[in-house]
All heavy atoms as atom14 arrays in JSON, in Angstrom:
{
  "sequence": "DLAYALEAGKGGTRAVLMAVQAHIITYLLFTRDTEHTHLERL",
  "atom14_mask": [
    [1, 1, 1, 1, 1, 1, 1, 1, 0, 0, 0, 0, 0, 0],
    [1, 1, 1, 1, 1, 1, 1, 1, 0, 0, 0, 0, 0, 0],
    [1, 1, 1, 1, 1, 0, 0, 0, 0, 0, 0, 0, 0, 0],
    [1, 1, 1, 1, 1, 1, 1, 1, 1, 1, 1, 1, 0, 0],
    [1, 1, 1, 1, 1, 0, 0, 0, 0, 0, 0, 0, 0, 0],
    [1, 1, 1, 1, 1, 1, 1, 1, 0, 0, 0, 0, 0, 0],
    [1, 1, 1, 1, 1, 1, 1, 1, 1, 0, 0, 0, 0, 0],
    [1, 1, 1, 1, 1, 0, 0, 0, 0, 0, 0, 0, 0, 0],
    [1, 1, 1, 1, 0, 0, 0, 0, 0, 0, 0, 0, 0, 0],
    [1, 1, 1, 1, 1, 1, 1, 1, 1, 0, 0, 0, 0, 0],
    [1, 1, 1, 1, 0, 0, 0, 0, 0, 0, 0, 0, 0, 0],
    [1, 1, 1, 1, 0, 0, 0, 0, 0, 0, 0, 0, 0, 0],
    [1, 1, 1, 1, 1, 1, 1, 0, 0, 0, 0, 0, 0, 0],
    [1, 1, 1, 1, 1, 1, 1, 1, 1, 1, 1, 0, 0, 0],
    [1, 1, 1, 1, 1, 0, 0, 0, 0, 0, 0, 0, 0, 0],
    [1, 1, 1, 1, 1, 1, 1, 0, 0, 0, 0, 0, 0, 0],
    [1, 1, 1, 1, 1, 1, 1, 1, 0, 0, 0, 0, 0, 0],
    [1, 1, 1, 1, 1, 1, 1, 1, 0, 0, 0, 0, 0, 0],
    [1, 1, 1, 1, 1, 0, 0, 0, 0, 0, 0, 0, 0, 0],
    [1, 1, 1, 1, 1, 1, 1, 0, 0, 0, 0, 0, 0, 0],
    [1, 1, 1, 1, 1, 1, 1, 1, 1, 0, 0, 0, 0, 0],
    [1, 1, 1, 1, 1, 0, 0, 0, 0, 0, 0, 0, 0, 0],
    [1, 1, 1, 1, 1, 1, 1, 1, 1, 1, 0, 0, 0, 0],
    [1, 1, 1, 1, 1, 1, 1, 1, 0, 0, 0, 0, 0, 0],
    [1, 1, 1, 1, 1, 1, 1, 1, 0, 0, 0, 0, 0, 0],
    [1, 1, 1, 1, 1, 1, 1, 0, 0, 0, 0, 0, 0, 0],
    [1, 1, 1, 1, 1, 1, 1, 1, 1, 1, 1, 1, 0, 0],
    [1, 1, 1, 1, 1, 1, 1, 1, 0, 0, 0, 0, 0, 0],
    [1, 1, 1, 1, 1, 1, 1, 1, 0, 0, 0, 0, 0, 0],
    [1, 1, 1, 1, 1, 1, 1, 1, 1, 1, 1, 0, 0, 0],
    [1, 1, 1, 1, 1, 1, 1, 0, 0, 0, 0, 0, 0, 0],
    [1, 1, 1, 1, 1, 1, 1, 1, 1, 1, 1, 0, 0, 0],
    [1, 1, 1, 1, 1, 1, 1, 1, 0, 0, 0, 0, 0, 0],
    [1, 1, 1, 1, 1, 1, 1, 0, 0, 0, 0, 0, 0, 0],
    [1, 1, 1, 1, 1, 1, 1, 1, 1, 0, 0, 0, 0, 0],
    [1, 1, 1, 1, 1, 1, 1, 1, 1, 1, 0, 0, 0, 0],
    [1, 1, 1, 1, 1, 1, 1, 0, 0, 0, 0, 0, 0, 0],
    [1, 1, 1, 1, 1, 1, 1, 1, 1, 1, 0, 0, 0, 0],
    [1, 1, 1, 1, 1, 1, 1, 1, 0, 0, 0, 0, 0, 0],
    [1, 1, 1, 1, 1, 1, 1, 1, 1, 0, 0, 0, 0, 0],
    [1, 1, 1, 1, 1, 1, 1, 1, 1, 1, 1, 0, 0, 0],
    [1, 1, 1, 1, 1, 1, 1, 1, 0, 0, 0, 0, 0, 0]
  ],
  "atom14_positions": [
    [[62.93, -4.98, 87.1], [62.56, -6.2, 87.81], [61.63, -5.91, 88.98], [60.89, -6.79, 89.42], [63.81, -6.92, 88.32], [64.61, -7.56, 87.21], [64.07, -7.71, 86.09], [65.79, -7.91, 87.44], [0.0, 0.0, 0.0], [0.0, 0.0, 0.0], [0.0, 0.0, 0.0], [0.0, 0.0, 0.0], [0.0, 0.0, 0.0], [0.0, 0.0, 0.0]],
    [[61.67, -4.71, 89.52], [60.82, -4.34, 90.65], [59.8, -3.28, 90.27], [59.37, -2.49, 91.11], [61.68, -3.85, 91.82], [62.61, -4.88, 92.44], [63.52, -4.22, 93.48], [61.82, -6.02, 93.07], [0.0, 0.0, 0.0], [0.0, 0.0, 0.0], [0.0, 0.0, 0.0], [0.0, 0.0, 0.0], [0.0, 0.0, 0.0], [0.0, 0.0, 0.0]],
    [[59.38, -3.27, 89.02], [58.44, -2.25, 88.54], [57.12, -2.28, 89.3], [56.42, -1.27, 89.37], [58.18, -2.43, 87.05], [0.0, 0.0, 0.0], [0.0, 0.0, 0.0], [0.0, 0.0, 0.0], [0.0, 0.0, 0.0], [0.0, 0.0, 0.0], [0.0, 0.0, 0.0], [0.0, 0.0, 0.0], [0.0, 0.0, 0.0], [0.0, 0.0, 0.0]],
    [[56.76, -3.4, 89.87], [55.51, -3.56, 90.61], [55.59, -3.02, 92.04], [54.58, -2.88, 92.72], [55.11, -5.03, 90.68], [56.12, -5.86, 91.44], [56.0, -6.05, 92.8], [57.22, -6.42, 90.79], [56.94, -6.78, 93.5], [58.16, -7.16, 91.48], [58.02, -7.34, 92.83], [58.95, -8.06, 93.53], [0.0, 0.0, 0.0], [0.0, 0.0, 0.0]],
    [[56.79, -2.73, 92.53], [57.01, -2.44, 93.94], [56.91, -0.95, 94.27], [57.44, -0.11, 93.55], [58.37, -2.96, 94.37], [0.0, 0.0, 0.0], [0.0, 0.0, 0.0], [0.0, 0.0, 0.0], [0.0, 0.0, 0.0], [0.0, 0.0, 0.0], [0.0, 0.0, 0.0], [0.0, 0.0, 0.0], [0.0, 0.0, 0.0], [0.0, 0.0, 0.0]],
    [[56.24, -0.67, 95.37], [56.21, 0.69, 95.9], [57.46, 0.92, 96.74], [57.94, -0.01, 97.41], [54.98, 0.89, 96.79], [53.62, 0.89, 96.12], [52.52, 0.92, 97.17], [53.49, 2.07, 95.18], [0.0, 0.0, 0.0], [0.0, 0.0, 0.0], [0.0, 0.0, 0.0], [0.0, 0.0, 0.0], [0.0, 0.0, 0.0], [0.0, 0.0, 0.0]],
    [[57.97, 2.12, 96.7], [59.09, 2.47, 97.57], [58.52, 2.86, 98.93], [57.6, 3.67, 99.01], [59.89, 3.63, 96.99], [60.64, 3.25, 95.73], [61.52, 4.38, 95.21], [61.74, 5.38, 95.94], [61.97, 4.26, 94.07], [0.0, 0.0, 0.0], [0.0, 0.0, 0.0], [0.0, 0.0, 0.0], [0.0, 0.0, 0.0], [0.0, 0.0, 0.0]],
    [[59.07, 2.27, 99.97], [58.57, 2.54, 101.32], [59.73, 2.86, 102.24], [60.64, 2.05, 102.41], [57.8, 1.33, 101.86], [0.0, 0.0, 0.0], [0.0, 0.0, 0.0], [0.0, 0.0, 0.0], [0.0, 0.0, 0.0], [0.0, 0.0, 0.0], [0.0, 0.0, 0.0], [0.0, 0.0, 0.0], [0.0, 0.0, 0.0], [0.0, 0.0, 0.0]],
    [[59.7, 4.03, 102.81], [60.72, 4.42, 103.78], [60.42, 3.81, 105.13], [59.46, 3.04, 105.3], [0.0, 0.0, 0.0], [0.0, 0.0, 0.0], [0.0, 0.0, 0.0], [0.0, 0.0, 0.0], [0.0, 0.0, 0.0], [0.0, 0.0, 0.0], [0.0, 0.0, 0.0], [0.0, 0.0, 0.0], [0.0, 0.0, 0.0], [0.0, 0.0, 0.0]],
    [[61.21, 4.15, 106.08], [61.0, 3.65, 107.44], [59.94, 4.51, 108.12], [59.77, 5.67, 107.81], [62.3, 3.69, 108.23], [63.34, 2.76, 107.68], [64.61, 2.83, 108.49], [65.63, 1.87, 107.87], [66.9, 1.92, 108.56], [0.0, 0.0, 0.0], [0.0, 0.0, 0.0], [0.0, 0.0, 0.0], [0.0, 0.0, 0.0], [0.0, 0.0, 0.0]],
    [[59.22, 3.9, 109.05], [58.28, 4.68, 109.83], [56.83, 4.28, 109.63], [56.52, 3.25, 109.04], [0.0, 0.0, 0.0], [0.0, 0.0, 0.0], [0.0, 0.0, 0.0], [0.0, 0.0, 0.0], [0.0, 0.0, 0.0], [0.0, 0.0, 0.0], [0.0, 0.0, 0.0], [0.0, 0.0, 0.0], [0.0, 0.0, 0.0], [0.0, 0.0, 0.0]],
    [[55.95, 5.15, 110.09], [54.52, 4.86, 110.17], [53.82, 4.69, 108.84], [52.82, 3.98, 108.77], [0.0, 0.0, 0.0], [0.0, 0.0, 0.0], [0.0, 0.0, 0.0], [0.0, 0.0, 0.0], [0.0, 0.0, 0.0], [0.0, 0.0, 0.0], [0.0, 0.0, 0.0], [0.0, 0.0, 0.0], [0.0, 0.0, 0.0], [0.0, 0.0, 0.0]],
    [[54.31, 5.31, 107.79], [53.62, 5.19, 106.5], [53.85, 3.83, 105.84], [53.1, 3.44, 104.96], [54.07, 6.29, 105.53], [55.48, 6.17, 105.29], [53.76, 7.66, 106.08], [0.0, 0.0, 0.0], [0.0, 0.0, 0.0], [0.0, 0.0, 0.0], [0.0, 0.0, 0.0], [0.0, 0.0, 0.0], [0.0, 0.0, 0.0], [0.0, 0.0, 0.0]],
    [[54.87, 3.13, 106.27], [55.21, 1.83, 105.67], [54.05, 0.85, 105.75], [53.79, 0.12, 104.8], [56.43, 1.25, 106.36], [56.83, -0.1, 105.79], [58.03, -0.65, 106.49], [59.19, -0.19, 105.75], [60.43, -0.49, 106.07], [60.67, -1.2, 107.15], [61.41, -0.06, 105.34], [0.0, 0.0, 0.0], [0.0, 0.0, 0.0], [0.0, 0.0, 0.0]],
    [[53.33, 0.83, 106.86], [52.21, -0.1, 107.02], [51.12, 0.15, 105.98], [50.58, -0.78, 105.39], [51.64, -0.01, 108.43], [0.0, 0.0, 0.0], [0.0, 0.0, 0.0], [0.0, 0.0, 0.0], [0.0, 0.0, 0.0], [0.0, 0.0, 0.0], [0.0, 0.0, 0.0], [0.0, 0.0, 0.0], [0.0, 0.0, 0.0], [0.0, 0.0, 0.0]],
    [[50.8, 1.41, 105.74], [49.78, 1.76, 104.75], [50.26, 1.37, 103.36], [49.53, 0.76, 102.58], [49.45, 3.27, 104.81], [48.48, 3.66, 103.7], [48.88, 3.65, 106.17], [0.0, 0.0, 0.0], [0.0, 0.0, 0.0], [0.0, 0.0, 0.0], [0.0, 0.0, 0.0], [0.0, 0.0, 0.0], [0.0, 0.0, 0.0], [0.0, 0.0, 0.0]],
    [[51.51, 1.7, 103.04], [52.06, 1.37, 101.73], [52.08, -0.14, 101.48], [51.78, -0.6, 100.38], [53.47, 1.95, 101.59], [53.55, 3.47, 101.54], [55.0, 3.94, 101.65], [52.92, 4.01, 100.28], [0.0, 0.0, 0.0], [0.0, 0.0, 0.0], [0.0, 0.0, 0.0], [0.0, 0.0, 0.0], [0.0, 0.0, 0.0], [0.0, 0.0, 0.0]],
    [[52.42, -0.92, 102.49], [52.49, -2.37, 102.31], [51.11, -3.0, 102.16], [50.95, -3.97, 101.42], [53.25, -3.02, 103.47], [54.75, -2.69, 103.47], [55.62, -3.1, 101.94], [55.67, -1.54, 101.07], [0.0, 0.0, 0.0], [0.0, 0.0, 0.0], [0.0, 0.0, 0.0], [0.0, 0.0, 0.0], [0.0, 0.0, 0.0], [0.0, 0.0, 0.0]],
    [[50.11, -2.44, 102.81], [48.74, -2.93, 102.62], [48.29, -2.68, 101.18], [47.69, -3.56, 100.53], [47.8, -2.25, 103.6], [0.0, 0.0, 0.0], [0.0, 0.0, 0.0], [0.0, 0.0, 0.0], [0.0, 0.0, 0.0], [0.0, 0.0, 0.0], [0.0, 0.0, 0.0], [0.0, 0.0, 0.0], [0.0, 0.0, 0.0], [0.0, 0.0, 0.0]],
    [[48.6, -1.52, 100.65], [48.26, -1.2, 99.26], [49.1, -2.07, 98.31], [48.6, -2.56, 97.3], [48.46, 0.3, 98.97], [48.3, 0.61, 97.49], [47.47, 1.13, 99.8], [0.0, 0.0, 0.0], [0.0, 0.0, 0.0], [0.0, 0.0, 0.0], [0.0, 0.0, 0.0], [0.0, 0.0, 0.0], [0.0, 0.0, 0.0], [0.0, 0.0, 0.0]],
    [[50.36, -2.31, 98.67], [51.24, -3.14, 97.84], [50.66, -4.54, 97.64], [50.72, -5.09, 96.54], [52.63, -3.26, 98.5], [53.61, -4.11, 97.73], [54.04, -3.47, 96.43], [54.82, -2.54, 96.44], [53.55, -3.96, 95.31], [0.0, 0.0, 0.0], [0.0, 0.0, 0.0], [0.0, 0.0, 0.0], [0.0, 0.0, 0.0], [0.0, 0.0, 0.0]],
    [[50.06, -5.1, 98.67], [49.44, -6.43, 98.55], [48.33, -6.42, 97.51], [48.21, -7.35, 96.7], [48.9, -6.87, 99.91], [0.0, 0.0, 0.0], [0.0, 0.0, 0.0], [0.0, 0.0, 0.0], [0.0, 0.0, 0.0], [0.0, 0.0, 0.0], [0.0, 0.0, 0.0], [0.0, 0.0, 0.0], [0.0, 0.0, 0.0], [0.0, 0.0, 0.0]],
    [[47.53, -5.37, 97.49], [46.46, -5.27, 96.49], [47.01, -5.03, 95.09], [46.44, -5.5, 94.11], [45.48, -4.15, 96.87], [44.57, -4.52, 97.99], [43.45, -5.3, 97.82], [44.62, -4.24, 99.31], [42.85, -5.47, 98.97], [43.54, -4.84, 99.9], [0.0, 0.0, 0.0], [0.0, 0.0, 0.0], [0.0, 0.0, 0.0], [0.0, 0.0, 0.0]],
    [[48.12, -4.32, 94.99], [48.75, -4.1, 93.68], [49.22, -5.42, 93.1], [48.97, -5.73, 91.93], [49.93, -3.1, 93.8], [49.4, -1.69, 94.05], [50.82, -3.14, 92.56], [50.47, -0.67, 94.4], [0.0, 0.0, 0.0], [0.0, 0.0, 0.0], [0.0, 0.0, 0.0], [0.0, 0.0, 0.0], [0.0, 0.0, 0.0], [0.0, 0.0, 0.0]],
    [[49.88, -6.22, 93.9], [50.38, -7.52, 93.42], [49.21, -8.42, 93.04], [49.24, -9.09, 92.0], [51.28, -8.18, 94.48], [52.58, -7.37, 94.6], [51.57, -9.63, 94.13], [53.49, -7.8, 95.72], [0.0, 0.0, 0.0], [0.0, 0.0, 0.0], [0.0, 0.0, 0.0], [0.0, 0.0, 0.0], [0.0, 0.0, 0.0], [0.0, 0.0, 0.0]],
    [[48.16, -8.44, 93.84], [46.97, -9.24, 93.52], [46.38, -8.81, 92.19], [46.04, -9.65, 91.35], [45.92, -9.1, 94.64], [46.5, -9.55, 95.86], [44.68, -9.91, 94.33], [0.0, 0.0, 0.0], [0.0, 0.0, 0.0], [0.0, 0.0, 0.0], [0.0, 0.0, 0.0], [0.0, 0.0, 0.0], [0.0, 0.0, 0.0], [0.0, 0.0, 0.0]],
    [[46.26, -7.51, 91.97], [45.72, -7.0, 90.71], [46.6, -7.42, 89.53], [46.1, -7.91, 88.52], [45.6, -5.48, 90.77], [45.29, -4.85, 89.43], [43.98, -4.85, 88.93], [46.28, -4.3, 88.64], [43.69, -4.29, 87.69], [46.0, -3.74, 87.4], [44.7, -3.75, 86.93], [44.42, -3.21, 85.71], [0.0, 0.0, 0.0], [0.0, 0.0, 0.0]],
    [[47.89, -7.22, 89.66], [48.8, -7.53, 88.55], [48.84, -9.02, 88.23], [48.95, -9.41, 87.07], [50.21, -7.01, 88.85], [50.37, -5.49, 88.87], [51.76, -5.1, 89.36], [50.1, -4.9, 87.5], [0.0, 0.0, 0.0], [0.0, 0.0, 0.0], [0.0, 0.0, 0.0], [0.0, 0.0, 0.0], [0.0, 0.0, 0.0], [0.0, 0.0, 0.0]],
    [[48.76, -9.87, 89.25], [48.86, -11.31, 89.03], [47.55, -11.95, 88.6], [47.54, -12.85, 87.77], [49.36, -12.01, 90.29], [50.84, -11.85, 90.62], [51.16, -12.55, 91.93], [51.71, -12.39, 89.5], [0.0, 0.0, 0.0], [0.0, 0.0, 0.0], [0.0, 0.0, 0.0], [0.0, 0.0, 0.0], [0.0, 0.0, 0.0], [0.0, 0.0, 0.0]],
    [[46.42, -11.51, 89.17], [45.18, -12.25, 89.0], [44.04, -11.49, 88.32], [43.11, -12.11, 87.84], [44.71, -12.76, 90.36], [45.75, -13.57, 91.08], [46.31, -13.1, 92.25], [46.18, -14.79, 90.58], [47.28, -13.84, 92.92], [47.14, -15.52, 91.24], [47.69, -15.05, 92.41], [0.0, 0.0, 0.0], [0.0, 0.0, 0.0], [0.0, 0.0, 0.0]],
    [[44.09, -10.18, 88.3], [42.97, -9.42, 87.74], [43.26, -8.88, 86.35], [42.42, -8.97, 85.46], [42.6, -8.25, 88.68], [42.39, -8.76, 90.0], [41.36, -7.54, 88.21], [0.0, 0.0, 0.0], [0.0, 0.0, 0.0], [0.0, 0.0, 0.0], [0.0, 0.0, 0.0], [0.0, 0.0, 0.0], [0.0, 0.0, 0.0], [0.0, 0.0, 0.0]],
    [[44.43, -8.33, 86.18], [44.81, -7.71, 84.91], [44.87, -8.76, 83.81], [45.44, -9.84, 83.97], [46.16, -7.03, 85.07], [46.63, -6.25, 83.88], [47.9, -5.5, 84.21], [48.99, -6.41, 84.47], [50.11, -6.46, 83.76], [50.28, -5.64, 82.75], [51.06, -7.3, 84.06], [0.0, 0.0, 0.0], [0.0, 0.0, 0.0], [0.0, 0.0, 0.0]],
    [[44.3, -8.44, 82.67], [44.29, -9.35, 81.53], [45.52, -9.09, 80.66], [45.67, -8.02, 80.08], [43.01, -9.14, 80.71], [42.84, -10.21, 79.65], [43.36, -11.33, 79.82], [42.17, -9.92, 78.64], [0.0, 0.0, 0.0], [0.0, 0.0, 0.0], [0.0, 0.0, 0.0], [0.0, 0.0, 0.0], [0.0, 0.0, 0.0], [0.0, 0.0, 0.0]],
    [[46.41, -10.08, 80.6], [47.62, -9.97, 79.8], [48.08, -11.37, 79.39], [47.69, -12.36, 80.01], [48.74, -9.24, 80.58], [49.89, -9.14, 79.76], [49.09, -9.96, 81.86], [0.0, 0.0, 0.0], [0.0, 0.0, 0.0], [0.0, 0.0, 0.0], [0.0, 0.0, 0.0], [0.0, 0.0, 0.0], [0.0, 0.0, 0.0], [0.0, 0.0, 0.0]],
    [[48.91, -11.43, 78.37], [49.39, -12.72, 77.88], [50.66, -13.17, 78.6], [51.15, -14.27, 78.37], [49.64, -12.66, 76.36], [50.81, -11.79, 75.94], [50.49, -10.3, 75.86], [49.33, -9.9, 76.06], [51.43, -9.53, 75.6], [0.0, 0.0, 0.0], [0.0, 0.0, 0.0], [0.0, 0.0, 0.0], [0.0, 0.0, 0.0], [0.0, 0.0, 0.0]],
    [[51.23, -12.34, 79.47], [52.49, -12.67, 80.15], [52.3, -13.73, 81.23], [51.2, -13.88, 81.79], [53.1, -11.42, 80.79], [53.46, -10.35, 79.8], [54.39, -10.54, 78.81], [53.02, -9.09, 79.66], [54.52, -9.44, 78.1], [53.68, -8.53, 78.59], [0.0, 0.0, 0.0], [0.0, 0.0, 0.0], [0.0, 0.0, 0.0], [0.0, 0.0, 0.0]],
    [[53.38, -14.45, 81.54], [53.36, -15.42, 82.64], [53.3, -14.65, 83.96], [53.46, -13.42, 83.99], [54.62, -16.3, 82.62], [55.76, -15.46, 82.85], [54.76, -17.05, 81.32], [0.0, 0.0, 0.0], [0.0, 0.0, 0.0], [0.0, 0.0, 0.0], [0.0, 0.0, 0.0], [0.0, 0.0, 0.0], [0.0, 0.0, 0.0], [0.0, 0.0, 0.0]],
    [[53.14, -15.37, 85.06], [52.97, -14.71, 86.36], [54.13, -13.77, 86.7], [53.9, -12.62, 87.08], [52.78, -15.72, 87.47], [51.41, -16.3, 87.51], [50.29, -15.6, 87.16], [50.97, -17.53, 87.86], [49.22, -16.35, 87.28], [49.61, -17.54, 87.7], [0.0, 0.0, 0.0], [0.0, 0.0, 0.0], [0.0, 0.0, 0.0], [0.0, 0.0, 0.0]],
    [[55.36, -14.23, 86.58], [56.48, -13.37, 86.92], [56.59, -12.2, 85.96], [56.85, -11.06, 86.36], [57.79, -14.16, 86.95], [59.02, -13.4, 87.42], [58.78, -12.8, 88.81], [60.24, -14.29, 87.44], [0.0, 0.0, 0.0], [0.0, 0.0, 0.0], [0.0, 0.0, 0.0], [0.0, 0.0, 0.0], [0.0, 0.0, 0.0], [0.0, 0.0, 0.0]],
    [[56.37, -12.43, 84.68], [56.42, -11.36, 83.7], [55.31, -10.33, 83.94], [55.47, -9.15, 83.62], [56.29, -11.92, 82.28], [57.5, -12.7, 81.83], [57.27, -13.4, 80.5], [56.1, -13.7, 80.17], [58.25, -13.64, 79.8], [0.0, 0.0, 0.0], [0.0, 0.0, 0.0], [0.0, 0.0, 0.0], [0.0, 0.0, 0.0], [0.0, 0.0, 0.0]],
    [[54.19, -10.75, 84.51], [53.09, -9.83, 84.81], [53.55, -8.75, 85.78], [53.04, -7.64, 85.77], [51.91, -10.58, 85.44], [51.12, -11.39, 84.49], [50.06, -12.19, 85.26], [49.28, -12.95, 84.35], [47.99, -12.72, 84.11], [47.37, -11.76, 84.73], [47.34, -13.46, 83.27], [0.0, 0.0, 0.0], [0.0, 0.0, 0.0], [0.0, 0.0, 0.0]],
    [[54.49, -9.08, 86.63], [54.98, -8.13, 87.62], [56.08, -7.24, 87.06], [56.14, -6.05, 87.37], [55.51, -8.86, 88.85], [54.48, -9.64, 89.66], [55.17, -10.37, 90.8], [53.4, -8.73, 90.21], [0.0, 0.0, 0.0], [0.0, 0.0, 0.0], [0.0, 0.0, 0.0], [0.0, 0.0, 0.0], [0.0, 0.0, 0.0], [0.0, 0.0, 0.0]]
  ]
}
């Protein structure tokens, strides 16, 4: 269910990981070509 999610620990690296996570979700939902619905895309 969370296959799209990056694991992020506590601390300074979390900000970098979350910025990349936003782009991952955007890619999976709107850029990637697939027949799945929005939630299934993730």
